[in-house]
Amino acid sequence: MDIIITGQQAWDVEIGSNCKNIALEFSKIHRVLYVNSPLDRISLWKNGNDPKIAKRRKVVRKQLNGLEVINENLWVLYPDKMIESINWINSDFVFDLFNKRNNRIFVKSIMQAAQQLGFRDYIHFNDNDIFRSFYLKDYLSPRLSVYYSRDYMLAVDYWKKHGRALEPQLIAKSDVCVANSTYLADYCKKYNERSYYVGQGCDLDIFMDGIHAGKPADIRPIRKPIIGYVGALQSLRLDLELLRHIAVSRPEWSLVLVGPEDDEFRQSGLHHLNNVVFTGSKRFDELPAYINSFDVCLNPQLLNEVTIGNYPRKIDEYLAVGKPIVATKTDAMRVFAEHVYLGDSKEEYVQLIERALAENSPEKCIARRVFASAHTWENSVGEIYKAIAGAKPQRI
């Protein structure tokens, strides 16, 4: 197959990207054109000195070739056209007029690159790009259009403004929808019965090796049992009151929180509790050693629009090290229910941590690691292939 990918995350983004991993997996057997989003006028105006923006400006000015080779089957396109920044427009009707224009401009760059590469009868894979890719099924005329849902975008104000109306339409007119969580698959299925859960790939090698990692120096003096969390400490996502309840109700436990803090965490009363330890940020390659030093791992997330549909990649990292886990019960956590203790309340969290400590065993450790090892990009993309194979083009 020839596959054209559009989405939200550019190829040169520093953070990890589902779509980049999927593109690399696709490219093992198919030809792939990975299209970065086009430069928009406000980004140019506000961030013109950013090296990434400067590069895109050179491409638009025809001073730089926007088509780059990644491997023998994978190309990245920096579009040579600029679009208008339109999300400030309040009228849905006026927004739609300008969005159509932006989509047409975007497609010109894509078509030029596709023709240059000899792409024919291609599939369009849209990574959660509600606006810039809304009309691409109409203008690209792909053999098949695939919508990939990996986050609940409408929880974010930027996407909510016009996305409430547009995303359901985009899901409905796509030939097939795939999602990385059961919650998002069910959400897509409200608008398109051809919606499927395809799981999540993870790069877990470093965590699978973490079972042999020694205890970090700043953890050695801490009293056991250690109940720990690794990740960004954000009050929008994590339940501060739950963490406080765990620490206060069981002062004999040590609660260790590894990661950067937002303002609310920095100002919270957790810093005044003797059995709570904040380690600060750690390098990615240090995280398996911290996880391996925990007796129980936590994912104490709040239930809100931002968190409820997300696939919790952190859980796979914990499982890869073989650790018992207590996490908030959500729809997306259903797939982990056999290997993770799921709680609804702060009282239940404490009970489940006690149970996790008491029931842990080498056999359970092995089962967790085996389960996590199945969550590969090869397996996730294999599920995407199955969804594509069973899909039929739908008339617009």
Protein backbone atom coordinates (compact mmCIF):
# COMPACT_ATOMS: atom_id res chain seq x y z
CA MET A 1 0.00 0.00 0.00
CA ASP A 2 0.94 3.65 -0.40
CA ILE A 3 -0.04 5.55 2.75
CA ILE A 4 -0.31 9.32 3.25
CA ILE A 5 -0.30 10.40 6.90
CA THR A 6 -1.47 13.76 8.19
CA GLY A 7 -1.83 14.68 11.83
CA GLN A 8 -1.04 16.97 14.71
CA GLN A 9 2.52 16.05 15.60
CA ALA A 10 5.33 17.05 13.30
CA TRP A 11 8.15 14.66 12.52
CA ASP A 12 10.66 16.96 14.24
CA VAL A 13 8.71 17.09 17.54
CA GLU A 14 10.96 16.34 20.53
CA ILE A 15 8.47 14.30 22.54
CA GLY A 16 7.36 10.78 21.71
CA SER A 17 4.67 10.44 19.07
CA ASN A 18 2.28 7.58 18.41
CA CYS A 19 1.97 8.62 14.81
CA LYS A 20 5.73 8.59 14.18
CA ASN A 21 5.96 5.07 15.61
CA ILE A 22 3.02 3.97 13.46
CA ALA A 23 4.63 5.52 10.36
CA LEU A 24 7.89 3.68 11.02
CA GLU A 25 5.99 0.41 11.47
CA PHE A 26 3.98 1.04 8.28
CA SER A 27 7.20 1.72 6.37
CA LYS A 28 8.57 -1.76 7.08
CA ILE A 29 6.39 -3.08 4.27
CA HIS A 30 4.60 -0.07 2.71
CA ARG A 31 5.56 3.26 1.20
CA VAL A 32 4.66 6.15 3.53
CA LEU A 33 4.47 9.91 3.09
CA TYR A 34 4.39 11.57 6.52
CA VAL A 35 3.01 15.10 6.12
CA ASN A 36 3.78 17.74 8.73
CA SER A 37 1.05 20.29 9.32
CA PRO A 38 1.52 23.41 7.18
CA LEU A 39 2.97 26.60 8.59
CA ASP A 40 0.25 28.98 9.75
CA ARG A 41 0.49 32.75 9.85
CA ILE A 42 0.23 33.27 13.62
CA SER A 43 2.95 30.67 14.31
CA LEU A 44 5.21 32.49 11.86
CA TRP A 45 4.44 35.83 13.48
CA LYS A 46 4.85 34.68 17.09
CA ASN A 47 7.69 32.18 16.73
CA GLY A 48 9.53 33.26 13.61
CA ASN A 49 12.92 32.83 15.26
CA ASP A 50 12.28 29.22 16.27
CA PRO A 51 14.55 27.00 14.12
CA LYS A 52 11.62 24.72 13.24
CA ILE A 53 9.52 27.69 12.06
CA ALA A 54 12.49 29.15 10.20
CA LYS A 55 12.92 25.88 8.33
CA ARG A 56 9.27 25.83 7.31
CA ARG A 57 9.48 29.46 6.17
CA LYS A 58 12.41 28.55 3.91
CA VAL A 59 10.38 25.72 2.41
CA VAL A 60 7.43 28.07 1.76
CA ARG A 61 9.82 30.55 0.11
CA LYS A 62 11.20 27.72 -2.07
CA GLN A 63 14.64 28.16 -0.50
CA LEU A 64 14.63 24.60 0.81
CA ASN A 65 13.27 21.30 -0.47
CA GLY A 66 10.43 20.23 1.81
CA LEU A 67 10.62 16.52 0.97
CA GLU A 68 13.06 14.53 3.12
CA VAL A 69 13.97 10.83 3.00
CA ILE A 70 13.82 8.97 6.33
CA ASN A 71 14.31 5.45 4.99
CA GLU A 72 13.79 3.62 1.72
CA ASN A 73 10.00 3.53 2.27
CA LEU A 74 9.39 6.68 4.32
CA TRP A 75 9.41 10.35 3.36
CA VAL A 76 8.56 13.42 5.44
CA LEU A 77 6.96 16.44 3.78
CA TYR A 78 7.28 20.00 5.06
CA PRO A 79 4.47 21.68 3.05
CA ASP A 80 5.52 24.55 0.81
CA LYS A 81 2.25 26.43 1.37
CA MET A 82 1.17 28.58 4.33
CA ILE A 83 -2.36 28.54 5.75
CA GLU A 84 -4.30 31.12 7.74
CA SER A 85 -4.80 30.92 11.50
CA ILE A 86 -8.58 30.78 11.85
CA ASN A 87 -9.57 29.31 15.18
CA TRP A 88 -10.36 32.77 16.57
CA ILE A 89 -13.36 32.96 14.22
CA ASN A 90 -16.57 32.51 16.20
CA SER A 91 -18.99 31.85 13.36
CA ASP A 92 -19.08 28.18 12.39
CA PHE A 93 -20.16 29.16 8.87
CA VAL A 94 -17.28 31.59 8.35
CA PHE A 95 -14.81 29.20 9.98
CA ASP A 96 -15.90 26.47 7.57
CA LEU A 97 -15.31 28.71 4.55
CA PHE A 98 -11.76 29.50 5.62
CA ASN A 99 -11.12 25.92 6.72
CA LYS A 100 -12.08 24.67 3.25
CA ARG A 101 -9.59 27.13 1.79
CA ASN A 102 -6.86 25.98 4.19
CA ASN A 103 -7.57 22.34 3.30
CA ARG A 104 -7.31 23.08 -0.42
CA ILE A 105 -3.99 24.87 0.08
CA PHE A 106 -2.70 21.98 2.19
CA VAL A 107 -3.73 19.41 -0.41
CA LYS A 108 -1.75 21.15 -3.17
CA SER A 109 1.49 20.47 -1.33
CA ILE A 110 0.51 16.89 -0.56
CA MET A 111 -0.50 16.13 -4.15
CA GLN A 112 2.74 17.54 -5.53
CA ALA A 113 4.79 15.30 -3.25
CA ALA A 114 2.58 12.26 -3.90
CA GLN A 115 2.99 12.70 -7.67
CA GLN A 116 6.74 13.18 -7.29
CA LEU A 117 6.97 9.89 -5.36
CA GLY A 118 4.61 8.07 -7.71
CA PHE A 119 2.00 7.37 -5.03
CA ARG A 120 -1.20 5.93 -6.48
CA ASP A 121 -4.39 4.47 -5.06
CA TYR A 122 -3.22 5.51 -1.61
CA ILE A 123 -4.73 5.31 1.86
CA HIS A 124 -5.07 8.48 3.94
CA PHE A 125 -4.31 8.00 7.65
CA ASN A 126 -5.45 10.98 9.77
CA ASP A 127 -3.92 11.23 13.24
CA ASN A 128 -6.59 13.15 15.19
CA ASP A 129 -6.29 16.23 12.92
CA ILE A 130 -9.83 17.61 13.05
CA PHE A 131 -9.45 20.91 11.17
CA ARG A 132 -6.57 20.83 8.67
CA SER A 133 -7.54 17.35 7.47
CA PHE A 134 -11.32 17.70 7.64
CA TYR A 135 -11.81 17.92 3.85
CA LEU A 136 -8.89 15.73 2.79
CA LYS A 137 -11.15 12.79 1.98
CA ASP A 138 -12.92 15.11 -0.48
CA TYR A 139 -9.80 16.72 -1.95
CA LEU A 140 -7.25 13.89 -1.88
CA SER A 141 -9.72 11.22 -3.04
CA PRO A 142 -7.89 8.38 -1.29
CA ARG A 143 -8.76 4.74 -1.80
CA LEU A 144 -9.57 4.61 1.90
CA SER A 145 -9.67 7.17 4.70
CA VAL A 146 -8.68 6.15 8.24
CA TYR A 147 -9.27 8.32 11.33
CA TYR A 148 -6.97 7.55 14.28
CA SER A 149 -8.25 8.67 17.70
CA ARG A 150 -5.56 8.64 20.41
CA ASP A 151 -6.77 11.48 22.68
CA TYR A 152 -10.12 13.00 23.54
CA MET A 153 -9.40 16.26 21.75
CA LEU A 154 -12.62 18.00 22.73
CA ALA A 155 -11.39 18.28 26.33
CA VAL A 156 -9.00 20.98 25.09
CA ASP A 157 -10.50 24.44 24.57
CA TYR A 158 -8.71 25.00 21.24
CA TRP A 159 -10.25 21.88 19.70
CA LYS A 160 -13.55 22.14 21.56
CA LYS A 161 -14.51 25.46 19.98
CA HIS A 162 -15.22 24.12 16.49
CA GLY A 163 -14.32 20.48 17.05
CA ARG A 164 -17.58 19.69 18.84
CA ALA A 165 -19.34 20.08 15.53
CA LEU A 166 -16.60 18.88 13.20
CA GLU A 167 -15.07 15.80 14.82
CA PRO A 168 -18.30 13.75 14.83
CA GLN A 169 -18.74 14.61 11.15
CA LEU A 170 -15.15 13.65 10.38
CA ILE A 171 -15.50 10.34 12.22
CA ALA A 172 -18.78 9.61 10.44
CA LYS A 173 -17.43 10.19 6.94
CA SER A 174 -14.17 8.29 7.45
CA ASP A 175 -14.12 4.80 5.94
CA VAL A 176 -12.78 3.32 9.16
CA CYS A 177 -11.85 4.63 12.62
CA VAL A 178 -9.23 3.15 14.91
CA ALA A 179 -8.51 4.10 18.51
CA ASN A 180 -5.82 3.36 21.07
CA SER A 181 -8.23 3.03 24.00
CA THR A 182 -11.54 1.27 24.46
CA TYR A 183 -13.11 4.54 25.61
CA LEU A 184 -12.15 6.31 22.38
CA ALA A 185 -13.22 3.35 20.26
CA ASP A 186 -16.66 3.49 21.90
CA TYR A 187 -16.74 7.26 21.39
CA CYS A 188 -16.00 6.88 17.67
CA LYS A 189 -18.58 4.11 17.38
CA LYS A 190 -21.31 6.60 18.31
CA TYR A 191 -20.78 8.19 14.90
CA ASN A 192 -19.27 5.37 12.84
CA GLU A 193 -19.98 1.67 13.37
CA ARG A 194 -16.71 0.89 11.60
CA SER A 195 -14.68 1.86 14.69
CA TYR A 196 -12.16 -0.45 16.33
CA TYR A 197 -9.86 -0.65 19.33
CA VAL A 198 -6.30 -1.31 18.11
CA GLY A 199 -4.37 -1.05 21.35
CA GLN A 200 -1.23 0.93 22.00
CA GLY A 201 2.36 0.25 21.08
CA CYS A 202 5.09 1.01 23.60
CA ASP A 203 8.88 0.98 23.47
CA LEU A 204 9.41 -1.07 26.60
CA ASP A 205 12.89 -2.57 26.20
CA ILE A 206 14.45 -0.24 28.76
CA PHE A 207 11.68 -1.08 31.25
CA MET A 208 11.85 -4.83 30.61
CA ASP A 209 15.53 -4.60 31.60
CA GLY A 210 14.60 -2.49 34.65
CA ILE A 211 13.95 -5.58 36.76
CA HIS A 212 17.74 -5.86 37.13
CA ALA A 213 18.28 -2.17 37.98
CA GLY A 214 19.82 -1.24 41.30
CA LYS A 215 18.19 1.11 43.78
CA PRO A 216 18.97 4.81 43.10
CA ALA A 217 21.09 6.56 45.73
CA ASP A 218 18.31 8.93 46.82
CA ILE A 219 15.92 6.00 47.36
CA ARG A 220 18.22 3.83 49.51
CA PRO A 221 17.59 5.68 52.82
CA ILE A 222 13.80 5.65 52.38
CA ARG A 223 11.80 3.34 54.62
CA LYS A 224 9.86 0.49 53.01
CA PRO A 225 7.27 -0.24 51.84
CA ILE A 226 7.63 2.36 49.09
CA ILE A 227 4.49 3.36 47.23
CA GLY A 228 5.57 5.26 44.13
CA TYR A 229 4.54 7.26 41.09
CA VAL A 230 6.66 8.17 38.07
CA GLY A 231 5.59 10.91 35.67
CA ALA A 232 4.64 14.57 35.41
CA LEU A 233 3.00 15.79 38.63
CA GLN A 234 0.11 17.81 37.21
CA SER A 235 -2.92 18.79 39.26
CA LEU A 236 -5.10 18.64 36.14
CA ARG A 237 -4.42 14.91 35.86
CA LEU A 238 -3.55 13.63 39.33
CA ASP A 239 -5.64 13.51 42.50
CA LEU A 240 -3.79 15.52 45.15
CA GLU A 241 -6.34 14.71 47.86
CA LEU A 242 -6.03 11.00 47.12
CA LEU A 243 -2.24 11.14 47.50
CA ARG A 244 -2.60 13.05 50.77
CA HIS A 245 -5.10 10.48 52.08
CA ILE A 246 -2.72 7.60 51.32
CA ALA A 247 0.17 9.32 53.10
CA VAL A 248 -1.84 10.42 56.15
CA SER A 249 -3.80 7.20 56.66
CA ARG A 250 -0.69 5.02 56.44
CA PRO A 251 2.25 6.97 57.94
CA GLU A 252 4.31 3.77 58.01
CA TRP A 253 4.37 3.78 54.19
CA SER A 254 6.71 5.98 52.16
CA LEU A 255 5.09 7.80 49.25
CA VAL A 256 7.70 8.62 46.58
CA LEU A 257 6.79 10.92 43.68
CA VAL A 258 9.24 11.07 40.76
CA GLY A 259 8.82 13.82 38.19
CA PRO A 260 8.45 17.56 37.56
CA GLU A 261 5.81 19.42 39.57
CA ASP A 262 3.31 22.05 38.48
CA ASP A 263 2.54 25.04 40.74
CA GLU A 264 -0.26 23.31 42.65
CA PHE A 265 1.92 20.35 43.50
CA ARG A 266 4.79 22.62 44.58
CA GLN A 267 2.45 24.53 46.89
CA SER A 268 0.59 21.48 48.21
CA GLY A 269 0.61 20.21 51.78
CA LEU A 270 2.26 16.99 50.59
CA HIS A 271 5.60 18.73 51.05
CA HIS A 272 4.93 18.99 54.79
CA LEU A 273 4.32 15.27 55.33
CA ASN A 274 7.29 13.32 56.67
CA ASN A 275 6.56 10.18 54.68
CA VAL A 276 6.24 11.90 51.27
CA VAL A 277 9.37 12.26 49.13
CA PHE A 278 9.66 14.33 45.96
CA THR A 279 12.72 13.34 43.91
CA GLY A 280 12.30 15.95 41.17
CA SER A 281 12.76 15.24 37.46
CA LYS A 282 14.86 12.30 36.36
CA ARG A 283 16.27 11.26 33.01
CA PHE A 284 14.19 8.79 31.04
CA ASP A 285 16.88 6.12 31.30
CA GLU A 286 16.81 6.44 35.11
CA LEU A 287 13.08 5.74 35.47
CA PRO A 288 13.21 1.91 35.37
CA ALA A 289 15.50 1.91 38.43
CA TYR A 290 13.04 4.08 40.37
CA ILE A 291 10.11 1.87 39.37
CA ASN A 292 12.09 -1.21 40.38
CA SER A 293 12.64 0.30 43.84
CA PHE A 294 8.89 0.64 44.47
CA ASP A 295 6.87 -2.00 46.27
CA VAL A 296 3.64 -0.76 44.68
CA CYS A 297 3.21 1.64 41.75
CA LEU A 298 0.37 4.16 41.49
CA ASN A 299 -1.57 5.90 38.76
CA PRO A 300 -3.78 8.19 40.92
CA GLN A 301 -5.43 10.08 38.11
CA LEU A 302 -8.46 12.31 38.37
CA LEU A 303 -11.51 11.48 36.32
CA ASN A 304 -12.15 14.33 33.92
CA GLU A 305 -12.45 14.97 30.19
CA VAL A 306 -8.68 15.22 29.81
CA THR A 307 -7.89 11.85 31.41
CA ILE A 308 -10.90 9.58 31.00
CA GLY A 309 -10.17 8.32 27.49
CA ASN A 310 -6.37 8.26 27.50
CA TYR A 311 -4.43 5.05 27.10
CA PRO A 312 -2.21 4.93 30.21
CA ARG A 313 1.20 4.09 28.72
CA LYS A 314 2.65 4.48 32.21
CA ILE A 315 0.86 1.26 33.23
CA ASP A 316 2.74 -0.71 30.60
CA GLU A 317 6.02 0.70 31.91
CA TYR A 318 5.18 -0.36 35.45
CA LEU A 319 4.06 -3.82 34.28
CA ALA A 320 7.23 -4.30 32.23
CA VAL A 321 9.23 -4.03 35.46
CA GLY A 322 6.83 -6.55 37.01
CA LYS A 323 5.46 -4.29 39.73
CA PRO A 324 2.01 -4.47 41.39
CA ILE A 325 -0.09 -1.47 40.46
CA VAL A 326 -3.06 0.36 41.94
CA ALA A 327 -4.80 2.73 39.53
CA THR A 328 -8.01 4.68 39.11
CA LYS A 329 -10.79 2.67 37.52
CA THR A 330 -11.63 4.06 34.07
CA ASP A 331 -13.07 2.63 30.89
CA ALA A 332 -9.62 2.71 29.28
CA MET A 333 -8.23 0.59 32.15
CA ARG A 334 -10.52 -2.34 31.36
CA VAL A 335 -7.84 -4.04 29.30
CA PHE A 336 -5.53 -4.08 32.34
CA ALA A 337 -8.08 -5.38 34.86
CA GLU A 338 -6.49 -8.84 35.16
CA HIS A 339 -3.11 -7.40 36.16
CA VAL A 340 -3.90 -4.09 37.89
CA TYR A 341 -5.86 -3.29 41.06
CA LEU A 342 -8.49 -0.70 40.11
CA GLY A 343 -10.06 1.63 42.67
CA ASP A 344 -12.89 4.16 42.76
CA SER A 345 -12.28 5.96 46.06
CA LYS A 346 -9.43 7.05 48.30
CA GLU A 347 -10.48 4.50 50.92
CA GLU A 348 -10.47 1.72 48.34
CA TYR A 349 -7.04 2.83 47.12
CA VAL A 350 -5.55 2.20 50.57
CA GLN A 351 -7.23 -1.21 50.80
CA LEU A 352 -5.96 -2.16 47.34
CA ILE A 353 -2.40 -1.08 48.13
CA GLU A 354 -2.48 -3.32 51.20
CA ARG A 355 -3.80 -6.14 49.06
CA ALA A 356 -1.15 -5.55 46.39
CA LEU A 357 1.60 -5.70 49.01
CA ALA A 358 0.21 -8.93 50.49
CA GLU A 359 -0.49 -10.76 47.22
CA ASN A 360 2.67 -9.97 45.26
CA SER A 361 4.63 -12.99 44.07
CA PRO A 362 7.26 -14.01 41.48
CA GLU A 363 4.50 -15.65 39.43
CA LYS A 364 2.47 -12.43 39.31
CA CYS A 365 5.60 -10.48 38.38
CA ILE A 366 6.21 -12.78 35.40
CA ALA A 367 2.55 -12.55 34.29
CA ARG A 368 2.68 -8.76 34.34
CA ARG A 369 5.83 -8.67 32.24
CA VAL A 370 4.42 -11.11 29.70
CA PHE A 371 1.24 -9.06 29.40
CA ALA A 372 3.18 -5.81 28.88
CA SER A 373 5.48 -7.40 26.29
CA ALA A 374 2.48 -7.93 23.98
CA HIS A 375 1.90 -4.17 23.71
CA THR A 376 4.21 -3.56 20.76
CA TRP A 377 3.89 -1.26 17.77
CA GLU A 378 3.96 -4.33 15.55
CA ASN A 379 0.86 -5.72 17.27
CA SER A 380 -0.98 -2.38 17.35
CA VAL A 381 -0.32 -1.70 13.66
CA GLY A 382 -1.34 -5.30 12.95
CA GLU A 383 -4.76 -4.44 14.38
CA ILE A 384 -4.87 -1.33 12.18
CA TYR A 385 -4.17 -3.53 9.15
CA LYS A 386 -7.08 -5.79 10.13
CA ALA A 387 -9.42 -2.79 10.36
CA ILE A 388 -8.23 -1.52 6.97
CA ALA A 389 -8.61 -4.95 5.36
CA GLY A 390 -12.24 -5.15 6.42
CA ALA A 391 -13.16 -1.59 5.44
CA LYS A 392 -14.98 -0.48 2.32
CA PRO A 393 -14.93 3.05 0.90
CA GLN A 394 -17.95 5.08 1.94
CA ARG A 395 -19.57 7.66 -0.26
CA ILE A 396 -19.23 11.24 0.98
